[in-house]
Amino acid sequence: MKKITEFLDLIRSDYKAHLIIGLISGFPMVLFFGNIGGLIAIIIYALKEVVYDKLLNRGNMELLDWIYSSIPVLFYLIIHNK
């Protein structure tokens, strides 16, 4: 258990926040809209990074932010299509 907590401490809090947002917003999208909902969620996460962070200069555009937000949606899609 100690190794798990040490591993989780190594992950930046920003990435943890993106992971939680992906969990919270991705589940209803896949549940109610299926594959299209998952795709829409992943596109919205990418648009947030490009528009909000890069074009409006309100944050740091990072590929890993998008990846951490999209991971839960990809897991939901795998489960949904099994």
Protein backbone atom coordinates (compact mmCIF):
# COMPACT_ATOMS: atom_id res chain seq x y z
CA MET A 1 0.00 0.00 0.00
CA LYS A 2 2.89 2.33 0.73
CA LYS A 3 4.23 1.95 -2.82
CA ILE A 4 0.83 2.92 -4.24
CA THR A 5 0.67 6.10 -2.18
CA GLU A 6 4.25 6.95 -3.14
CA PHE A 7 3.37 6.48 -6.81
CA LEU A 8 0.28 8.67 -6.48
CA ASP A 9 2.33 11.37 -4.78
CA LEU A 10 4.61 11.49 -7.82
CA ILE A 11 1.71 12.50 -10.09
CA ARG A 12 1.19 16.25 -10.28
CA SER A 13 -2.00 17.53 -8.68
CA ASP A 14 -2.98 19.15 -11.99
CA TYR A 15 -2.99 15.75 -13.70
CA LYS A 16 -5.00 14.28 -10.84
CA ALA A 17 -7.57 17.05 -11.29
CA HIS A 18 -7.80 16.32 -15.03
CA LEU A 19 -8.27 12.63 -14.25
CA ILE A 20 -11.12 13.38 -11.84
CA ILE A 21 -12.79 15.70 -14.37
CA GLY A 22 -12.54 12.95 -16.96
CA LEU A 23 -14.14 10.49 -14.54
CA ILE A 24 -16.99 12.82 -13.60
CA SER A 25 -17.81 14.18 -17.05
CA GLY A 26 -16.95 11.14 -19.16
CA PHE A 27 -19.18 8.63 -17.38
CA PRO A 28 -22.52 10.34 -18.14
CA MET A 29 -21.44 11.10 -21.70
CA VAL A 30 -20.70 7.44 -22.43
CA LEU A 31 -23.66 6.20 -20.38
CA PHE A 32 -26.27 8.36 -22.14
CA PHE A 33 -24.76 8.81 -25.60
CA GLY A 34 -22.51 5.76 -26.05
CA ASN A 35 -19.54 5.92 -28.38
CA ILE A 36 -20.54 9.30 -29.80
CA GLY A 37 -20.72 10.74 -26.28
CA GLY A 38 -17.23 9.46 -25.50
CA LEU A 39 -15.88 10.94 -28.71
CA ILE A 40 -17.56 14.27 -27.97
CA ALA A 41 -16.05 14.30 -24.46
CA ILE A 42 -12.55 13.64 -25.81
CA ILE A 43 -12.98 16.38 -28.43
CA ILE A 44 -14.22 18.82 -25.77
CA TYR A 45 -11.14 18.10 -23.65
CA ALA A 46 -8.90 18.79 -26.65
CA LEU A 47 -10.77 22.00 -27.49
CA LYS A 48 -10.38 23.17 -23.90
CA GLU A 49 -6.63 22.76 -24.18
CA VAL A 50 -6.41 24.55 -27.52
CA VAL A 51 -8.95 27.34 -27.09
CA TYR A 52 -8.89 28.11 -23.36
CA ASP A 53 -5.24 27.43 -22.63
CA LYS A 54 -3.47 28.38 -25.88
CA LEU A 55 -5.62 30.88 -27.77
CA LEU A 56 -6.98 32.76 -24.74
CA ASN A 57 -3.70 32.40 -22.78
CA ARG A 58 -5.55 31.45 -19.60
CA GLY A 59 -3.55 28.36 -18.84
CA ASN A 60 -0.77 26.07 -19.97
CA MET A 61 -1.55 23.94 -22.99
CA GLU A 62 -0.17 20.47 -22.33
CA LEU A 63 -0.74 17.22 -24.15
CA LEU A 64 -0.66 15.34 -20.85
CA ASP A 65 -3.61 17.38 -19.54
CA TRP A 66 -5.67 16.13 -22.47
CA ILE A 67 -4.39 12.56 -22.04
CA TYR A 68 -5.21 12.46 -18.32
CA SER A 69 -8.71 13.80 -19.02
CA SER A 70 -9.27 11.28 -21.82
CA ILE A 71 -8.02 8.13 -20.05
CA PRO A 72 -11.23 7.56 -18.03
CA VAL A 73 -13.36 8.05 -21.14
CA LEU A 74 -11.31 5.48 -23.03
CA PHE A 75 -11.78 3.03 -20.15
CA TYR A 76 -15.54 3.70 -20.16
CA LEU A 77 -15.65 3.13 -23.92
CA ILE A 78 -13.80 -0.18 -23.59
CA ILE A 79 -16.24 -1.33 -20.91
CA HIS A 80 -19.24 -0.04 -22.86
CA ASN A 81 -18.25 -1.91 -26.02
CA LYS A 82 -17.33 -5.19 -24.40
